[in-house]
PDB file of N, CA and C in Angstrom:
ATOM      1  N   MET A   1      -2.587 -10.971  -2.542  1.00  0.00           N
ATOM      2  CA  MET A   1      -3.195 -10.149  -1.635  1.00  0.00           C
ATOM      3  C   MET A   1      -3.246  -8.569  -1.892  1.00  0.00           C
ATOM      4  N   ALA A   2      -4.298  -7.764  -2.288  1.00  0.00           N
ATOM      5  CA  ALA A   2      -3.882  -6.533  -2.143  1.00  0.00           C
ATOM      6  C   ALA A   2      -5.157  -6.105  -1.085  1.00  0.00           C
ATOM      7  N   VAL A   3      -5.142  -4.910  -0.850  1.00  0.00           N
ATOM      8  CA  VAL A   3      -6.208  -3.486   0.104  1.00  0.00           C
ATOM      9  C   VAL A   3      -6.933  -3.656  -0.840  1.00  0.00           C
ATOM     10  N   GLY A   4      -7.976  -3.759  -0.724  1.00  0.00           N
ATOM     11  CA  GLY A   4      -9.238  -3.137  -1.240  1.00  0.00           C
ATOM     12  C   GLY A   4     -10.610  -1.891  -0.462  1.00  0.00           C
ATOM     13  N   ALA A   5     -11.090  -2.044  -1.324  1.00  0.00           N
ATOM     14  CA  ALA A   5     -12.046  -1.097  -0.747  1.00  0.00           C
ATOM     15  C   ALA A   5     -12.797  -1.651   0.899  1.00  0.00           C
ATOM     16  N   HIS A   6     -13.232  -0.586   1.635  1.00  0.00           N
ATOM     17  CA  HIS A   6     -13.912  -1.057   2.846  1.00  0.00           C
ATOM     18  C   HIS A   6     -13.221  -1.397   3.761  1.00  0.00           C
ATOM     19  N   THR A   7     -11.684  -1.015   3.794  1.00  0.00           N
ATOM     20  CA  THR A   7     -11.290  -1.570   4.687  1.00  0.00           C
ATOM     21  C   THR A   7     -10.520  -0.193   5.357  1.00  0.00           C
ATOM     22  N   PHE A   8      -9.876  -0.144   6.504  1.00  0.00           N
ATOM     23  CA  PHE A   8      -9.323   0.622   7.507  1.00  0.00           C
ATOM     24  C   PHE A   8      -8.113   1.302   6.820  1.00  0.00           C
ATOM     25  N   ILE A   9      -7.354   0.083   6.052  1.00  0.00           N
ATOM     26  CA  ILE A   9      -6.190   0.359   5.430  1.00  0.00           C
ATOM     27  C   ILE A   9      -6.401   1.523   4.174  1.00  0.00           C
ATOM     28  N   HIS A  10      -7.432   1.257   3.455  1.00  0.00           N
ATOM     29  CA  HIS A  10      -7.760   1.851   2.343  1.00  0.00           C
ATOM     30  C   HIS A  10      -8.063   2.924   2.825  1.00  0.00           C
ATOM     31  N   ASP A  11      -9.074   3.328   3.646  1.00  0.00           N
ATOM     32  CA  ASP A  11      -9.519   4.626   4.581  1.00  0.00           C
ATOM     33  C   ASP A  11      -8.362   5.589   4.746  1.00  0.00           C
ATOM     34  N   LEU A  12      -7.461   5.054   5.176  1.00  0.00           N
ATOM     35  CA  LEU A  12      -6.240   5.608   5.433  1.00  0.00           C
ATOM     36  C   LEU A  12      -5.046   6.087   4.689  1.00  0.00           C
ATOM     37  N   LEU A  13      -5.037   5.052   3.684  1.00  0.00           N
ATOM     38  CA  LEU A  13      -4.422   5.364   2.290  1.00  0.00           C
ATOM     39  C   LEU A  13      -5.153   6.773   1.506  1.00  0.00           C
ATOM     40  N   VAL A  14      -6.179   6.546   1.263  1.00  0.00           N
ATOM     41  CA  VAL A  14      -6.963   8.007   0.757  1.00  0.00           C
ATOM     42  C   VAL A  14      -7.042   9.089   1.404  1.00  0.00           C
ATOM     43  N   ARG A  15      -7.080   8.863   2.694  1.00  0.00           N
ATOM     44  CA  ARG A  15      -7.086  10.261   3.890  1.00  0.00           C
ATOM     45  C   ARG A  15      -5.435  10.941   3.694  1.00  0.00           C
ATOM     46  N   CYS A  16      -5.011   9.944   3.266  1.00  0.00           N
ATOM     47  CA  CYS A  16      -3.050  10.458   2.994  1.00  0.00           C
ATOM     48  C   CYS A  16      -3.349  11.071   1.332  1.00  0.00           C
ATOM     49  N   GLY A  17      -4.243  11.329   0.596  1.00  0.00           N
ATOM     50  CA  GLY A  17      -4.067  11.377  -0.690  1.00  0.00           C
ATOM     51  C   GLY A  17      -4.002  10.460  -1.882  1.00  0.00           C
ATOM     52  N   PHE A  18      -3.727   9.126  -1.406  1.00  0.00           N
ATOM     53  CA  PHE A  18      -3.470   8.290  -2.541  1.00  0.00           C
ATOM     54  C   PHE A  18      -4.750   7.588  -3.193  1.00  0.00           C
ATOM     55  N   ASP A  19      -4.247   6.765  -4.148  1.00  0.00           N
ATOM     56  CA  ASP A  19      -5.725   6.285  -5.127  1.00  0.00           C
ATOM     57  C   ASP A  19      -4.935   4.821  -4.785  1.00  0.00           C
ATOM     58  N   ASN A  20      -5.926   4.123  -4.475  1.00  0.00           N
ATOM     59  CA  ASN A  20      -5.875   2.198  -4.432  1.00  0.00           C
ATOM     60  C   ASN A  20      -6.465   1.649  -5.912  1.00  0.00           C
ATOM     61  N   VAL A  21      -5.470   1.359  -6.676  1.00  0.00           N
ATOM     62  CA  VAL A  21      -6.170   0.664  -8.054  1.00  0.00           C
ATOM     63  C   VAL A  21      -6.316  -0.444  -7.792  1.00  0.00           C
ATOM     64  N   PHE A  22      -7.142  -1.076  -6.443  1.00  0.00           N
ATOM     65  CA  PHE A  22      -7.400  -1.985  -5.888  1.00  0.00           C
ATOM     66  C   PHE A  22      -8.900  -2.176  -5.322  1.00  0.00           C
ATOM     67  N   ALA A  23      -9.383  -0.892  -5.149  1.00  0.00           N
ATOM     68  CA  ALA A  23     -10.474  -0.787  -4.610  1.00  0.00           C
ATOM     69  C   ALA A  23     -11.714  -0.480  -5.280  1.00  0.00           C
ATOM     70  N   SER A  24     -12.185  -1.562  -5.773  1.00  0.00           N
ATOM     71  CA  SER A  24     -13.270  -1.761  -6.518  1.00  0.00           C
ATOM     72  C   SER A  24     -14.648  -2.057  -5.499  1.00  0.00           C
ATOM     73  N   PRO A  25     -15.570  -1.557  -5.534  1.00  0.00           N
ATOM     74  CA  PRO A  25     -16.671  -1.851  -5.095  1.00  0.00           C
ATOM     75  C   PRO A  25     -17.266  -3.520  -5.526  1.00  0.00           C
ATOM     76  N   ASP A  26     -16.904  -3.742  -6.171  1.00  0.00           N
ATOM     77  CA  ASP A  26     -17.370  -5.154  -6.718  1.00  0.00           C
ATOM     78  C   ASP A  26     -16.104  -6.328  -6.203  1.00  0.00           C
ATOM     79  N   ARG A  27     -15.228  -5.938  -5.853  1.00  0.00           N
ATOM     80  CA  ARG A  27     -14.082  -6.820  -4.858  1.00  0.00           C
ATOM     81  C   ARG A  27     -14.220  -6.750  -3.328  1.00  0.00           C
ATOM     82  N   ALA A  28     -13.469  -7.954  -3.234  1.00  0.00           N
ATOM     83  CA  ALA A  28     -13.187  -8.620  -1.696  1.00  0.00           C
ATOM     84  C   ALA A  28     -12.592  -7.075  -1.173  1.00  0.00           C
ATOM     85  N   ARG A  29     -12.834  -7.152   0.185  1.00  0.00           N
ATOM     86  CA  ARG A  29     -12.088  -6.232   1.153  1.00  0.00           C
ATOM     87  C   ARG A  29     -10.494  -6.525   1.028  1.00  0.00           C
ATOM     88  N   TYR A  30      -9.784  -7.883   0.918  1.00  0.00           N
ATOM     89  CA  TYR A  30      -8.483  -8.174   0.306  1.00  0.00           C
ATOM     90  C   TYR A  30      -8.273  -8.948  -0.644  1.00  0.00           C
ATOM     91  N   PRO A  31      -8.834  -8.668  -2.039  1.00  0.00           N
ATOM     92  CA  PRO A  31      -8.701  -9.086  -2.968  1.00  0.00           C
ATOM     93  C   PRO A  31      -7.321 -10.204  -3.329  1.00  0.00           C
ATOM     94  N   GLU A  32      -7.690 -11.045  -3.230  1.00  0.00           N
ATOM     95  CA  GLU A  32      -6.481 -12.082  -4.357  1.00  0.00           C
ATOM     96  C   GLU A  32      -6.260 -11.774  -5.724  1.00  0.00           C
ATOM     97  N   VAL A  33      -5.038 -11.087  -5.906  1.00  0.00           N
ATOM     98  CA  VAL A  33      -4.572 -10.804  -7.340  1.00  0.00           C
ATOM     99  C   VAL A  33      -3.419 -11.483  -8.117  1.00  0.00           C
ATOM    100  N   THR A  34      -3.905 -11.366  -9.430  1.00  0.00           N
ATOM    101  CA  THR A  34      -2.877 -12.007 -10.149  1.00  0.00           C
ATOM    102  C   THR A  34      -1.961 -11.378 -10.482  1.00  0.00           C
ATOM    103  N   ILE A  35      -1.031 -12.108 -11.136  1.00  0.00           N
ATOM    104  CA  ILE A  35       0.353 -11.514 -11.322  1.00  0.00           C
ATOM    105  C   ILE A  35      -0.065 -10.818 -12.623  1.00  0.00           C
ATOM    106  N   GLU A  36      -0.815 -11.147 -13.664  1.00  0.00           N
ATOM    107  CA  GLU A  36      -1.307 -10.546 -14.776  1.00  0.00           C
ATOM    108  C   GLU A  36      -1.904  -8.562 -14.290  1.00  0.00           C
ATOM    109  N   GLU A  37      -3.164  -9.104 -13.104  1.00  0.00           N
ATOM    110  CA  GLU A  37      -3.415  -7.877 -12.756  1.00  0.00           C
ATOM    111  C   GLU A  37      -2.813  -6.926 -12.415  1.00  0.00           C
ATOM    112  N   ILE A  38      -1.832  -7.489 -11.106  1.00  0.00           N
ATOM    113  CA  ILE A  38      -0.786  -6.457 -11.113  1.00  0.00           C
ATOM    114  C   ILE A  38       0.128  -5.581 -11.783  1.00  0.00           C
ATOM    115  N   ARG A  39       0.176  -6.283 -12.913  1.00  0.00           N
ATOM    116  CA  ARG A  39       1.246  -5.878 -14.498  1.00  0.00           C
ATOM    117  C   ARG A  39       0.022  -5.081 -14.576  1.00  0.00           C
ATOM    118  N   ALA A  40      -1.040  -5.383 -14.834  1.00  0.00           N
ATOM    119  CA  ALA A  40      -2.112  -3.880 -16.074  1.00  0.00           C
ATOM    120  C   ALA A  40      -2.530  -3.121 -14.760  1.00  0.00           C
ATOM    121  N   CYS A  41      -1.805  -2.897 -13.486  1.00  0.00           N
ATOM    122  CA  CYS A  41      -2.635  -2.036 -12.603  1.00  0.00           C
ATOM    123  C   CYS A  41      -2.080  -0.768 -13.223  1.00  0.00           C
ATOM    124  N   SER A  42      -1.114  -0.857 -13.363  1.00  0.00           N
ATOM    125  CA  SER A  42      -0.199   0.734 -13.692  1.00  0.00           C
ATOM    126  C   SER A  42       0.110   1.245 -12.798  1.00  0.00           C
ATOM    127  N   ALA A  43       0.375   0.464 -11.310  1.00  0.00           N
ATOM    128  CA  ALA A  43       0.662   1.535 -10.609  1.00  0.00           C
ATOM    129  C   ALA A  43       1.970   2.259 -10.809  1.00  0.00           C
ATOM    130  N   ASP A  44       1.851   3.419 -10.260  1.00  0.00           N
ATOM    131  CA  ASP A  44       3.569   4.164  -9.968  1.00  0.00           C
ATOM    132  C   ASP A  44       3.878   4.145  -8.661  1.00  0.00           C
ATOM    133  N   LEU A  45       3.102   3.289  -7.755  1.00  0.00           N
ATOM    134  CA  LEU A  45       3.910   3.180  -6.328  1.00  0.00           C
ATOM    135  C   LEU A  45       3.048   2.374  -5.582  1.00  0.00           C
ATOM    136  N   VAL A  46       3.576   1.225  -5.164  1.00  0.00           N
ATOM    137  CA  VAL A  46       3.553  -0.197  -4.638  1.00  0.00           C
ATOM    138  C   VAL A  46       4.019   0.214  -2.947  1.00  0.00           C
ATOM    139  N   LEU A  47       3.255  -0.347  -1.636  1.00  0.00           N
ATOM    140  CA  LEU A  47       3.402  -0.304  -0.445  1.00  0.00           C
ATOM    141  C   LEU A  47       3.397  -1.587  -0.149  1.00  0.00           C
ATOM    142  N   LEU A  48       4.442  -2.208   0.354  1.00  0.00           N
ATOM    143  CA  LEU A  48       4.353  -3.496   1.079  1.00  0.00           C
ATOM    144  C   LEU A  48       4.408  -3.368   2.482  1.00  0.00           C
ATOM    145  N   SER A  49       4.071  -4.028   3.194  1.00  0.00           N
ATOM    146  CA  SER A  49       3.610  -3.569   4.414  1.00  0.00           C
ATOM    147  C   SER A  49       4.383  -4.793   5.241  1.00  0.00           C
ATOM    148  N   SER A  50       4.758  -4.271   6.203  1.00  0.00           N
ATOM    149  CA  SER A  50       5.085  -5.545   7.089  1.00  0.00           C
ATOM    150  C   SER A  50       4.494  -6.321   8.115  1.00  0.00           C
ATOM    151  N   GLU A  51       3.256  -5.850   8.187  1.00  0.00           N
ATOM    152  CA  GLU A  51       2.079  -6.854   8.558  1.00  0.00           C
ATOM    153  C   GLU A  51       1.026  -6.537   7.906  1.00  0.00           C
ATOM    154  N   PRO A  52      -0.362  -7.467   7.674  1.00  0.00           N
ATOM    155  CA  PRO A  52      -0.158  -8.796   8.335  1.00  0.00           C
ATOM    156  C   PRO A  52       0.543  -9.764   7.788  1.00  0.00           C
ATOM    157  N   PHE A  53       1.508  -9.412   6.718  1.00  0.00           N
ATOM    158  CA  PHE A  53       2.096 -10.298   6.105  1.00  0.00           C
ATOM    159  C   PHE A  53       3.834  -9.781   6.013  1.00  0.00           C
ATOM    160  N   PRO A  54       4.609 -10.374   6.665  1.00  0.00           N
ATOM    161  CA  PRO A  54       6.038  -9.768   6.105  1.00  0.00           C
ATOM    162  C   PRO A  54       6.664  -9.681   5.119  1.00  0.00           C
ATOM    163  N   PHE A  55       6.367  -8.810   4.484  1.00  0.00           N
ATOM    164  CA  PHE A  55       7.208  -8.144   3.134  1.00  0.00           C
ATOM    165  C   PHE A  55       8.463  -7.902   3.476  1.00  0.00           C
ATOM    166  N   ASP A  56       9.714  -8.349   2.560  1.00  0.00           N
ATOM    167  CA  ASP A  56      11.060  -8.030   2.797  1.00  0.00           C
ATOM    168  C   ASP A  56      11.749  -7.562   1.390  1.00  0.00           C
ATOM    169  N   GLU A  57      12.558  -7.465   1.510  1.00  0.00           N
ATOM    170  CA  GLU A  57      13.295  -6.736   0.181  1.00  0.00           C
ATOM    171  C   GLU A  57      13.266  -7.987  -0.788  1.00  0.00           C
ATOM    172  N   ARG A  58      13.023  -9.253  -0.459  1.00  0.00           N
ATOM    173  CA  ARG A  58      13.175 -10.121  -1.782  1.00  0.00           C
ATOM    174  C   ARG A  58      11.747 -10.274  -2.805  1.00  0.00           C
ATOM    175  N   HIS A  59      10.357  -9.891  -1.689  1.00  0.00           N
ATOM    176  CA  HIS A  59       9.134  -9.483  -2.587  1.00  0.00           C
ATOM    177  C   HIS A  59       9.467  -8.100  -3.053  1.00  0.00           C
ATOM    178  N   ARG A  60      10.045  -7.277  -2.424  1.00  0.00           N
ATOM    179  CA  ARG A  60      10.362  -5.806  -3.154  1.00  0.00           C
ATOM    180  C   ARG A  60      10.966  -6.290  -4.957  1.00  0.00           C
ATOM    181  N   GLU A  61      11.813  -6.695  -4.511  1.00  0.00           N
ATOM    182  CA  GLU A  61      12.776  -7.322  -5.606  1.00  0.00           C
ATOM    183  C   GLU A  61      12.116  -7.940  -6.978  1.00  0.00           C
ATOM    184  N   GLU A  62      10.748  -9.132  -6.483  1.00  0.00           N
ATOM    185  CA  GLU A  62      10.025  -9.604  -7.310  1.00  0.00           C
ATOM    186  C   GLU A  62       9.037  -8.506  -8.220  1.00  0.00           C
ATOM    187  N   LEU A  63       8.382  -7.641  -7.336  1.00  0.00           N
ATOM    188  CA  LEU A  63       7.786  -6.603  -7.871  1.00  0.00           C
ATOM    189  C   LEU A  63       8.214  -5.735  -8.907  1.00  0.00           C
ATOM    190  N   ALA A  64       9.353  -5.975  -8.497  1.00  0.00           N
ATOM    191  CA  ALA A  64      10.404  -4.720  -9.335  1.00  0.00           C
ATOM    192  C   ALA A  64      10.455  -5.231 -10.666  1.00  0.00           C
ATOM    193  N   ASP A  65      10.535  -6.241 -10.843  1.00  0.00           N
ATOM    194  CA  ASP A  65      10.668  -6.911 -12.205  1.00  0.00           C
ATOM    195  C   ASP A  65       9.261  -7.201 -13.063  1.00  0.00           C
ATOM    196  N   LEU A  66       8.154  -7.002 -11.726  1.00  0.00           N
ATOM    197  CA  LEU A  66       6.683  -6.750 -12.775  1.00  0.00           C
ATOM    198  C   LEU A  66       6.219  -5.367 -13.355  1.00  0.00           C
ATOM    199  N   LEU A  67       6.613  -4.708 -11.958  1.00  0.00           N
ATOM    200  CA  LEU A  67       6.756  -3.280 -12.290  1.00  0.00           C
ATOM    201  C   LEU A  67       7.545  -2.629 -12.314  1.00  0.00           C
ATOM    202  N   PRO A  68       8.505  -2.266 -13.510  1.00  0.00           N
ATOM    203  CA  PRO A  68       9.732  -1.526 -13.559  1.00  0.00           C
ATOM    204  C   PRO A  68       9.631  -0.288 -13.287  1.00  0.00           C
ATOM    205  N   ASP A  69       8.876   0.442 -13.748  1.00  0.00           N
ATOM    206  CA  ASP A  69       8.256   2.008 -13.808  1.00  0.00           C
ATOM    207  C   ASP A  69       7.938   2.446 -12.514  1.00  0.00           C
ATOM    208  N   ALA A  70       7.661   1.438 -11.392  1.00  0.00           N
ATOM    209  CA  ALA A  70       6.603   1.740 -10.058  1.00  0.00           C
ATOM    210  C   ALA A  70       8.096   1.815  -9.114  1.00  0.00           C
ATOM    211  N   ASP A  71       7.942   2.744  -7.918  1.00  0.00           N
ATOM    212  CA  ASP A  71       8.387   3.240  -7.076  1.00  0.00           C
ATOM    213  C   ASP A  71       7.818   2.186  -6.099  1.00  0.00           C
ATOM    214  N   ILE A  72       8.630   0.927  -5.509  1.00  0.00           N
ATOM    215  CA  ILE A  72       7.818   0.010  -4.309  1.00  0.00           C
ATOM    216  C   ILE A  72       8.942   0.082  -3.178  1.00  0.00           C
ATOM    217  N   ARG A  73       7.871   0.068  -2.296  1.00  0.00           N
ATOM    218  CA  ARG A  73       8.374   0.651  -1.262  1.00  0.00           C
ATOM    219  C   ARG A  73       8.164  -0.511   0.414  1.00  0.00           C
ATOM    220  N   LEU A  74       8.817  -0.378   1.045  1.00  0.00           N
ATOM    221  CA  LEU A  74       8.653  -1.524   2.237  1.00  0.00           C
ATOM    222  C   LEU A  74       7.977  -0.478   3.138  1.00  0.00           C
ATOM    223  N   VAL A  75       6.782  -0.983   3.959  1.00  0.00           N
ATOM    224  CA  VAL A  75       6.779   0.244   5.250  1.00  0.00           C
ATOM    225  C   VAL A  75       6.254  -0.370   6.401  1.00  0.00           C
ATOM    226  N   ASP A  76       5.597   0.640   7.181  1.00  0.00           N
ATOM    227  CA  ASP A  76       5.684  -0.024   8.454  1.00  0.00           C
ATOM    228  C   ASP A  76       4.329  -0.397   8.709  1.00  0.00           C
ATOM    229  N   GLY A  77       3.893  -1.540   8.566  1.00  0.00           N
ATOM    230  CA  GLY A  77       2.776  -1.889   8.683  1.00  0.00           C
ATOM    231  C   GLY A  77       1.823  -1.694  10.306  1.00  0.00           C
ATOM    232  N   GLU A  78       2.394  -1.111  11.116  1.00  0.00           N
ATOM    233  CA  GLU A  78       2.207  -0.597  12.009  1.00  0.00           C
ATOM    234  C   GLU A  78       1.270   0.380  12.074  1.00  0.00           C
ATOM    235  N   MET A  79       1.962   1.164  11.160  1.00  0.00           N
ATOM    236  CA  MET A  79       1.351   2.655  10.680  1.00  0.00           C
ATOM    237  C   MET A  79       0.487   2.875   9.553  1.00  0.00           C
ATOM    238  N   PHE A  80       0.527   1.662   8.806  1.00  0.00           N
ATOM    239  CA  PHE A  80      -0.421   1.681   8.058  1.00  0.00           C
ATOM    240  C   PHE A  80      -1.625   0.726   8.019  1.00  0.00           C
ATOM    241  N   SER A  81      -1.659  -0.363   8.707  1.00  0.00           N
ATOM    242  CA  SER A  81      -2.519  -1.246   9.249  1.00  0.00           C
ATOM    243  C   SER A  81      -3.191  -1.114  10.563  1.00  0.00           C
ATOM    244  N   TRP A  82      -2.926  -0.433  11.576  1.00  0.00           N
ATOM    245  CA  TRP A  82      -3.177  -1.342  12.593  1.00  0.00           C
ATOM    246  C   TRP A  82      -4.038   0.025  13.168  1.00  0.00           C
ATOM    247  N   TYR A  83      -5.350   0.059  13.767  1.00  0.00           N
ATOM    248  CA  TYR A  83      -6.027   1.150  14.442  1.00  0.00           C
ATOM    249  C   TYR A  83      -5.714   1.296  15.856  1.00  0.00           C
ATOM    250  N   GLY A  84      -6.605   1.965  16.724  1.00  0.00           N
ATOM    251  CA  GLY A  84      -6.319   2.067  18.228  1.00  0.00           C
ATOM    252  C   GLY A  84      -5.146   3.102  18.787  1.00  0.00           C
ATOM    253  N   SER A  85      -4.700   2.571  19.265  1.00  0.00           N
ATOM    254  CA  SER A  85      -3.538   3.097  20.158  1.00  0.00           C
ATOM    255  C   SER A  85      -2.373   3.878  19.164  1.00  0.00           C
ATOM    256  N   ARG A  86      -2.112   2.560  18.218  1.00  0.00           N
ATOM    257  CA  ARG A  86      -0.739   3.228  16.860  1.00  0.00           C
ATOM    258  C   ARG A  86      -1.060   4.625  16.559  1.00  0.00           C
ATOM    259  N   LEU A  87      -2.165   4.734  16.215  1.00  0.00           N
ATOM    260  CA  LEU A  87      -2.779   5.884  15.645  1.00  0.00           C
ATOM    261  C   LEU A  87      -2.149   6.989  16.111  1.00  0.00           C
ATOM    262  N   LEU A  88      -2.168   7.224  17.476  1.00  0.00           N
ATOM    263  CA  LEU A  88      -1.181   8.173  17.843  1.00  0.00           C
ATOM    264  C   LEU A  88       0.146   8.646  17.307  1.00  0.00           C
ATOM    265  N   LEU A  89       1.062   7.589  16.895  1.00  0.00           N
ATOM    266  CA  LEU A  89       1.804   7.805  16.189  1.00  0.00           C
ATOM    267  C   LEU A  89       2.011   8.135  15.004  1.00  0.00           C
ATOM    268  N   ALA A  90       1.020   7.525  14.020  1.00  0.00           N
ATOM    269  CA  ALA A  90       0.617   7.170  12.539  1.00  0.00           C
ATOM    270  C   ALA A  90       0.584   8.527  12.124  1.00  0.00           C
ATOM    271  N   GLY A  91      -0.018   9.621  12.661  1.00  0.00           N
ATOM    272  CA  GLY A  91      -0.237  10.927  11.914  1.00  0.00           C
ATOM    273  C   GLY A  91       1.423  10.920  11.521  1.00  0.00           C
ATOM    274  N   GLU A  92       2.228  11.548  12.679  1.00  0.00           N
ATOM    275  CA  GLU A  92       3.260  12.110  11.789  1.00  0.00           C
ATOM    276  C   GLU A  92       4.450  10.829  11.212  1.00  0.00           C
ATOM    277  N   SER A  93       4.576   9.816  11.516  1.00  0.00           N
ATOM    278  CA  SER A  93       4.868   8.906  10.507  1.00  0.00           C
ATOM    279  C   SER A  93       4.085   8.960   9.158  1.00  0.00           C
ATOM    280  N   LEU A  94       3.091   8.834   8.958  1.00  0.00           N
ATOM    281  CA  LEU A  94       2.553   9.111   7.215  1.00  0.00           C
ATOM    282  C   LEU A  94       2.931   9.964   6.667  1.00  0.00           C
ATOM    283  N   ARG A  95       3.393  11.440   7.602  1.00  0.00           N
ATOM    284  CA  ARG A  95       3.037  12.630   7.029  1.00  0.00           C
ATOM    285  C   ARG A  95       4.631  12.646   6.556  1.00  0.00           C
ATOM    286  N   ASN A  96       5.521  12.208   7.348  1.00  0.00           N
ATOM    287  CA  ASN A  96       7.059  11.711   6.976  1.00  0.00           C
ATOM    288  C   ASN A  96       6.810  11.156   5.635  1.00  0.00           C
ATOM    289  N   PHE A  97       6.408  10.122   5.863  1.00  0.00           N
ATOM    290  CA  PHE A  97       6.332   9.216   4.226  1.00  0.00           C
ATOM    291  C   PHE A  97       6.226   9.688   2.681  1.00  0.00           C
ATOM    292  N   VAL A  98       5.038  10.759   3.389  1.00  0.00           N
ATOM    293  CA  VAL A  98       4.164  11.378   2.121  1.00  0.00           C
ATOM    294  C   VAL A  98       5.720  12.522   1.825  1.00  0.00           C
ATOM    295  N   VAL A  99       6.131  12.907   2.801  1.00  0.00           N
ATOM    296  CA  VAL A  99       6.430  14.063   2.348  1.00  0.00           C
ATOM    297  C   VAL A  99       8.247  13.436   1.897  1.00  0.00           C
ATOM    298  N   SER A 100       8.435  12.129   1.936  1.00  0.00           N
ATOM    299  CA  SER A 100       9.868  11.657   1.487  1.00  0.00           C
ATOM    300  C   SER A 100       9.598  11.199   0.267  1.00  0.00           C
ATOM    301  N   LEU A 101       8.414  10.972  -0.155  1.00  0.00           N
ATOM    302  CA  LEU A 101       7.792  10.907  -1.645  1.00  0.00           C
ATOM    303  C   LEU A 101       7.610  12.214  -2.484  1.00  0.00           C
ATOM    304  N   GLY A 102       7.954  13.329  -2.094  1.00  0.00           N
ATOM    305  CA  GLY A 102       7.897  14.466  -2.606  1.00  0.00           C
ATOM    306  C   GLY A 102       6.210  14.954  -2.675  1.00  0.00           C
ATOM    307  N   GLY A 103       5.371  14.410  -2.290  1.00  0.00           N
ATOM    308  CA  GLY A 103       4.252  14.510  -2.161  1.00  0.00           C
ATOM    309  C   GLY A 103       3.138  13.403  -2.590  1.00  0.00           C
ATOM    310  N   VAL A 104       2.094  13.370  -2.673  1.00  0.00           N
ATOM    311  CA  VAL A 104       1.666  12.286  -3.152  1.00  0.00           C
ATOM    312  C   VAL A 104       1.111  12.095  -4.548  1.00  0.00           C
ATOM    313  N   ARG A 105       1.547  10.948  -5.083  1.00  0.00           N
ATOM    314  CA  ARG A 105       1.327  10.797  -6.667  1.00  0.00           C
ATOM    315  C   ARG A 105       0.562  10.210  -7.017  1.00  0.00           C
TER     316      ARG A 105
END
């Protein structure tokens, strides 16, 4: 599953300057993607969120095999996935994340 267009997460990523390779208006909000689609997306950065699914190092390693040139990061799902009161903390957290990447790619 990936994050598609017309979602809170997509909007947050775009506002941070990221390009969502699975944000096509003709796809579901959270499209199921195949291994072939993952390989074909040519993403240079992949974010694996701790929520709503708890991705971990094992998943990061599996994706690294599929996308050997991508930077694959585990990220805090509360900062990327939740709206409401958590947004009070998200701004600084997301800014620090973008800085850690050396800017948006």
